[in-house]
Structure formats: structure tokens, C-alpha cells
Protein backbone atom coordinates (compact mmCIF):
# COMPACT_ATOMS: atom_id res chain seq x y z
CA MET A 1 1.66 3.61 25.79
CA LYS A 2 -0.15 2.41 22.83
CA THR A 3 -0.37 5.63 20.85
CA PRO A 4 0.84 5.35 17.36
CA GLU A 5 3.80 7.78 16.49
CA LEU A 6 4.12 9.49 13.18
CA VAL A 7 7.73 9.94 12.13
CA TRP A 8 8.74 12.02 8.89
CA HIS A 9 11.34 11.30 6.57
CA ASP A 10 13.32 13.41 4.10
CA LEU A 11 11.82 13.46 0.47
CA THR A 12 14.49 12.51 -2.04
CA PRO A 13 13.57 11.74 -5.76
CA ARG A 14 15.26 8.40 -6.77
CA LEU A 15 15.88 7.03 -10.23
CA LEU A 16 15.68 3.10 -10.08
CA GLU A 17 15.68 0.24 -12.70
CA VAL A 18 13.87 -2.72 -12.94
CA ARG A 19 15.86 -5.88 -12.04
CA ARG A 20 13.37 -8.64 -12.33
CA THR A 21 9.71 -9.30 -11.97
CA THR A 22 7.75 -12.10 -10.56
CA ARG A 23 4.33 -13.28 -10.89
CA ILE A 24 2.60 -13.66 -7.50
CA SER A 25 -1.05 -14.42 -8.81
CA PRO A 26 -2.78 -14.29 -12.28
CA ARG A 27 -3.56 -10.51 -11.54
CA MET A 28 -0.49 -9.52 -9.20
CA LEU A 29 3.07 -8.84 -10.35
CA ARG A 30 6.14 -8.14 -8.17
CA VAL A 31 8.54 -5.69 -9.66
CA THR A 32 12.05 -5.53 -8.11
CA LEU A 33 13.70 -2.31 -8.39
CA GLY A 34 17.30 -1.39 -7.70
CA GLY A 35 20.19 1.02 -7.87
CA GLU A 36 22.52 3.20 -5.90
CA ASP A 37 19.63 5.72 -5.31
CA LEU A 38 18.24 3.54 -2.71
CA ASP A 39 20.91 4.21 -0.28
CA GLY A 40 19.53 6.13 2.55
CA PHE A 41 16.02 5.06 1.80
CA SER A 42 13.79 5.06 4.86
CA HIS A 43 11.02 2.30 5.59
CA ALA A 44 9.83 1.89 8.83
CA ALA A 45 6.03 0.71 8.80
CA PRO A 46 4.20 -2.03 7.16
CA ASP A 47 1.96 0.39 5.06
CA ASP A 48 4.67 2.94 4.01
CA HIS A 49 3.98 4.00 0.54
CA VAL A 50 5.99 5.81 -2.34
CA LYS A 51 4.93 7.62 -5.35
CA VAL A 52 6.16 5.79 -8.51
CA PHE A 53 6.74 7.88 -11.57
CA PHE A 54 6.43 6.29 -14.90
CA PRO A 55 7.82 7.11 -18.39
CA GLU A 56 5.35 8.27 -20.99
CA PRO A 57 4.91 5.62 -23.76
CA GLY A 58 7.97 5.54 -25.80
CA ALA A 59 10.19 7.46 -23.43
CA GLU A 60 12.93 5.93 -21.50
CA LEU A 61 12.88 7.93 -18.55
CA PRO A 62 10.09 9.17 -16.12
CA VAL A 63 9.30 13.01 -15.65
CA MET A 64 10.78 13.34 -12.15
CA PRO A 65 9.31 15.92 -9.52
CA THR A 66 11.03 19.03 -8.44
CA LEU A 67 11.48 19.60 -4.77
CA GLY A 68 11.64 23.04 -3.21
CA GLU A 69 11.75 24.42 0.30
CA GLU A 70 7.98 23.90 0.58
CA GLY A 71 8.05 20.38 -0.85
CA LEU A 72 6.85 19.46 -4.51
CA GLU A 73 7.00 22.37 -6.77
CA PRO A 74 4.78 22.63 -9.96
CA PRO A 75 6.35 22.03 -13.34
CA PRO A 76 7.35 25.18 -15.38
CA PRO A 77 4.62 26.28 -17.82
CA GLY A 78 4.49 24.08 -20.87
CA SER A 79 6.73 21.39 -19.51
CA PRO A 80 5.31 17.71 -19.35
CA LEU A 81 3.60 16.67 -16.27
CA PRO A 82 4.93 13.75 -14.13
CA THR A 83 2.76 10.58 -14.30
CA PHE A 84 2.63 8.81 -11.03
CA ARG A 85 0.64 6.53 -8.51
CA ASP A 86 1.08 5.54 -5.00
CA TYR A 87 2.25 2.08 -4.03
CA THR A 88 3.11 0.23 -0.92
CA VAL A 89 6.63 -0.75 -0.20
CA ARG A 90 6.49 -4.63 0.00
CA HIS A 91 10.33 -5.50 0.75
CA LEU A 92 13.31 -3.65 1.16
CA ARG A 93 16.94 -5.16 1.06
CA PRO A 94 19.34 -2.26 1.61
CA GLY A 95 22.35 -4.38 1.32
CA LEU A 96 21.29 -5.48 -2.15
CA ARG A 97 19.94 -2.04 -3.01
CA GLU A 98 16.70 -3.64 -3.90
CA LEU A 99 13.05 -2.53 -3.44
CA ASP A 100 9.84 -4.82 -4.20
CA ILE A 101 6.65 -3.27 -5.19
CA ASP A 102 3.66 -5.40 -6.05
CA PHE A 103 1.28 -4.20 -8.95
CA VAL A 104 -2.08 -5.16 -9.62
CA LEU A 105 -2.20 -5.64 -13.39
CA HIS A 106 -4.90 -3.97 -15.37
CA GLU A 107 -4.99 -1.85 -18.57
CA HIS A 108 -6.91 1.07 -17.35
CA GLY A 109 -4.02 2.92 -15.45
CA PRO A 110 -0.38 3.74 -15.80
CA GLY A 111 0.92 1.42 -13.14
CA GLY A 112 -0.67 -1.79 -14.06
CA SER A 113 -0.20 -1.37 -17.79
CA TRP A 114 3.54 -0.39 -17.20
CA ALA A 115 4.21 -3.25 -14.86
CA ALA A 116 2.66 -5.83 -17.38
CA ARG A 117 5.26 -4.76 -19.92
CA ALA A 118 8.21 -4.10 -17.47
CA GLU A 119 11.49 -5.55 -18.28
CA PRO A 120 14.89 -5.55 -16.75
CA GLY A 121 16.69 -2.20 -17.26
CA ASP A 122 13.37 -0.03 -17.61
CA LYS A 123 13.53 3.05 -15.33
CA VAL A 124 11.06 4.45 -12.96
CA GLY A 125 11.13 7.33 -10.39
CA ILE A 126 10.22 6.95 -6.83
CA LEU A 127 9.61 9.67 -4.09
CA GLY A 128 9.03 8.78 -0.50
CA PRO A 129 7.95 7.51 1.88
CA ARG A 130 7.09 10.91 3.26
CA GLY A 131 6.42 9.58 6.88
CA SER A 132 5.67 6.27 8.76
CA THR A 133 2.95 5.59 11.20
CA LEU A 134 4.76 3.41 13.99
CA VAL A 135 1.97 1.37 15.72
CA PRO A 136 3.07 -0.42 18.95
CA TYR A 137 3.05 -4.17 18.68
CA THR A 138 1.80 -4.38 22.18
CA PHE A 139 -1.86 -4.41 21.76
CA ASP A 140 -4.18 -7.55 22.83
CA TRP A 141 -5.42 -8.01 19.29
CA TYR A 142 -5.18 -6.71 15.68
CA LEU A 143 -8.07 -6.47 13.12
CA LEU A 144 -6.56 -6.18 9.77
CA GLY A 145 -8.46 -5.93 6.39
CA ALA A 146 -7.34 -5.26 2.78
CA ASP A 147 -8.43 -5.60 -0.96
CA GLU A 148 -5.77 -6.21 -3.69
CA THR A 149 -4.30 -2.65 -3.59
CA ALA A 150 -3.75 -2.93 0.23
CA LEU A 151 -2.58 -6.57 0.27
CA PRO A 152 1.13 -5.92 0.35
CA ALA A 153 0.74 -3.62 3.28
CA LEU A 154 -1.44 -6.44 5.04
CA ALA A 155 1.08 -9.04 4.22
CA ALA A 156 3.78 -6.82 5.75
CA TRP A 157 1.69 -6.43 8.82
CA LEU A 158 1.54 -10.11 9.40
CA GLU A 159 5.45 -10.50 8.92
CA ARG A 160 5.81 -7.83 11.58
CA LEU A 161 3.38 -8.72 14.25
CA PRO A 162 4.81 -10.68 17.25
CA ALA A 163 4.31 -14.43 17.14
CA GLY A 164 1.17 -15.60 19.07
CA VAL A 165 -0.68 -12.19 19.12
CA ARG A 166 -4.30 -12.52 18.39
CA THR A 167 -4.68 -11.31 14.68
CA MET A 168 -7.98 -11.42 12.51
CA ALA A 169 -7.00 -10.76 9.05
CA TYR A 170 -9.45 -10.47 6.03
CA VAL A 171 -8.50 -10.21 2.27
CA GLU A 172 -10.76 -9.40 -0.51
CA VAL A 173 -9.74 -10.70 -3.94
CA ALA A 174 -11.43 -11.37 -7.25
CA ASP A 175 -11.33 -15.31 -6.97
CA ALA A 176 -9.52 -18.03 -5.36
CA ALA A 177 -6.71 -17.81 -7.84
CA GLU A 178 -5.55 -14.58 -6.26
CA GLU A 179 -4.92 -16.06 -2.82
CA GLN A 180 -1.27 -15.98 -1.72
CA GLN A 181 0.96 -17.50 0.79
CA LEU A 182 1.35 -15.26 3.78
CA ALA A 183 3.09 -15.42 6.91
CA ALA A 184 -0.20 -16.07 8.95
CA GLU A 185 -3.67 -17.38 8.37
CA VAL A 186 -6.16 -15.14 6.80
CA ARG A 187 -9.68 -15.32 5.59
CA TRP A 188 -9.96 -14.92 2.01
CA LEU A 189 -13.01 -13.17 0.66
CA HIS A 190 -13.81 -13.87 -2.99
CA ARG A 191 -15.83 -11.17 -4.97
CA ASP A 192 -17.04 -13.88 -7.41
CA ARG A 193 -18.97 -15.45 -4.53
CA GLY A 194 -20.33 -12.12 -3.36
CA GLU A 195 -17.89 -11.84 -0.48
CA THR A 196 -16.61 -8.31 0.35
CA LEU A 197 -14.73 -6.42 3.14
CA ALA A 198 -17.82 -4.28 3.54
CA SER A 199 -20.14 -7.28 4.15
CA VAL A 200 -17.80 -9.17 6.65
CA LEU A 201 -16.16 -6.34 8.65
CA SER A 202 -19.42 -4.20 9.11
CA THR A 203 -20.60 -6.90 11.51
CA VAL A 204 -17.33 -8.29 12.91
CA GLU A 205 -17.34 -8.52 16.65
CA LEU A 206 -14.35 -7.06 18.44
CA PRO A 207 -12.80 -9.09 20.91
CA PRO A 208 -12.31 -7.87 24.55
CA GLY A 209 -9.11 -5.88 25.57
CA ASP A 210 -7.06 -3.23 23.81
CA GLY A 211 -7.04 -3.78 19.99
CA TYR A 212 -5.79 -2.00 16.76
CA VAL A 213 -7.76 -1.92 13.56
CA TRP A 214 -6.04 -1.38 10.29
CA VAL A 215 -8.31 -1.74 7.12
CA ALA A 216 -7.61 -0.42 3.59
CA GLY A 217 -9.06 -0.49 0.18
CA GLU A 218 -11.71 1.04 -2.00
CA ALA A 219 -12.92 3.98 -0.19
CA THR A 220 -16.53 3.74 -0.55
CA GLY A 221 -16.78 0.31 0.77
CA LEU A 222 -14.93 1.23 3.77
CA LYS A 223 -17.58 3.72 4.92
CA PRO A 224 -19.82 1.12 6.77
CA ILE A 225 -16.69 -0.51 8.38
CA ARG A 226 -15.56 2.83 9.57
CA ARG A 227 -19.28 3.57 11.16
CA HIS A 228 -19.44 -0.05 12.65
CA ILE A 229 -15.93 0.26 14.42
CA ARG A 230 -16.77 3.73 15.71
CA ALA A 231 -20.36 2.66 16.91
CA ARG A 232 -18.65 -0.17 18.95
CA GLY A 233 -16.87 2.62 20.88
CA HIS A 234 -13.42 1.67 19.75
CA ASN A 235 -10.78 4.31 20.56
CA ARG A 236 -10.32 6.37 17.28
CA ASP A 237 -6.52 6.53 17.93
CA TRP A 238 -6.45 2.86 17.58
CA ALA A 239 -7.75 2.51 14.20
CA GLU A 240 -6.65 3.53 10.69
CA ILE A 241 -9.35 2.84 7.92
CA ASP A 242 -7.88 4.33 4.80
CA GLY A 243 -9.25 4.44 1.25
CA TYR A 244 -6.45 3.51 -1.35
CA TRP A 245 -8.66 4.05 -4.35
CA LYS A 246 -12.11 5.06 -5.04
CA ARG A 247 -14.26 3.94 -8.11
CA GLY A 248 -14.70 6.65 -10.63
CA VAL A 249 -11.60 8.45 -9.42
CA VAL A 250 -8.52 8.22 -11.59
CA ASN A 251 -5.86 8.81 -8.73
CA LEU A 252 -6.83 8.99 -5.01
CA ASP A 253 -3.88 10.19 -3.14
CA HIS A 254 -3.14 8.22 -0.06
CA HIS A 255 -4.96 8.34 2.22
CA ASP A 256 -8.60 9.03 2.12
CA ASP A 257 -10.32 8.51 5.52
CA ASP A 258 -13.13 10.98 5.20
CA GLU A 259 -16.71 9.74 6.28
């Protein structure tokens, strides 16, 4: 069977602290979080993501969500609202109680601006993953695509795929300085040269045999890719093309796969 399986996880709010930060590229920073609250954390798929809750400027602790029988509950009237964004789990080391999240650094959102100033001991909250999509590693080939926001998930894909399986991976970044060392060869697309996921993957030829397509990034740019894959008659159950963010939208909740 090649049908992806969705498994659900219990939602548990967790308060973690920064243990260290590592610069991956000029515009990407890895933040290692840790703490006893990571006990029991579930992580099963390369694109698993969590909601990260950030403290307000000047505050030590984030406003954490409240869970009820039906899931997240709205805060009481007049109470502060949580500030959060979705991020992919890059690495989990249960024995060390450590979790890595890679942040794109920018000043126009709470995540990137917080990460740029993060220091050991700083606190954030996380919630999730809510579920994991388990894709079989028995396909004849895999087509992967990502921009910076989805690069951590694509990197995890490459680490999990069986050795020798045919893989076509494309990553769109700002320029050559943003390239990273990954577990397999990828084609880097540089926006400063006019290269984008949309321009390349909307014309890519699909190999013969059964394949799985996973592409994630800016939602608008994914539309021509989605149309191209569907026009090739590719099995819709064997493709996940998700918008991780959208130009002009403050917070696009994972995942937007609308046409």
C-alpha cells in the first residue's frame, strides 16, 4: 500500500527554554529548545510542525493557550492574546530533551525578530504537532520542493528517504549564500537570478512509475505547480502541495492547499 496515513497526537502545551542558537546561513538561525516538558513529545513525519508561542516585548513568559475538551479555548475577555506562529520541527533528541527549530531571520514578524535576539534561558511555549502524515518510503521516486520556510522539512525528508531512491529536490532561496549542506543533492534556485519554484516545477517532467510529490512554500507561487501536477494525471493522494505562508497575510495557519 502506498496510501499516506494520518496519525493524531495528544495536544500538550509545553514551556521550553533556549539552550543555544546556531547560525545556519546569513538569514537562518537554528534555535535549540529544551526542558523537562519535552518528555512525551511526539514527532513522526518530516513536515511535523508546532505552534511556537512568543513572549510579548519586555515579558519573560509567553501567553500560553488553554485546552478544553474541544481543543483550544478562547482566552477570557480582556486577557492578553497569545502570540504564535507555526514552525517545522527540525530535530528532536529525546534523550537530551532537546528540540531544534530553524527560523528565517526578519524584522517584520514575531518569530524571526524573537529568534534574532534569543539567548540561553529565554522561554517560549510550543503546542503540537497535532498530527503526522506518514508517507510510505516505497515509492519509485520523490519530487520535493521548498522555499526557506519549508527548507527544514525538506532537509528532514532527505534524511529519512531510503538510500538510492530516485529523488528530485529543489530549494528556492534568496541567493547562493543561503545554500546549506543537506543529506542529498538538491538543485538550488536563487531569487536574485530570477529562479523560483513556480518557474521550475510548473514545467518539470514526472518520471515513470509511482511517485510522491511534496512541495511547500509561498501559497500563491504554488498554484501553477499544483495545476501542472494535476494536469499530468498524477494521483492526488500521492501529492501534498502546501502554502506555508502568503504574501500580504500576517499568519497563514498550516496548511493552505486551496486552488
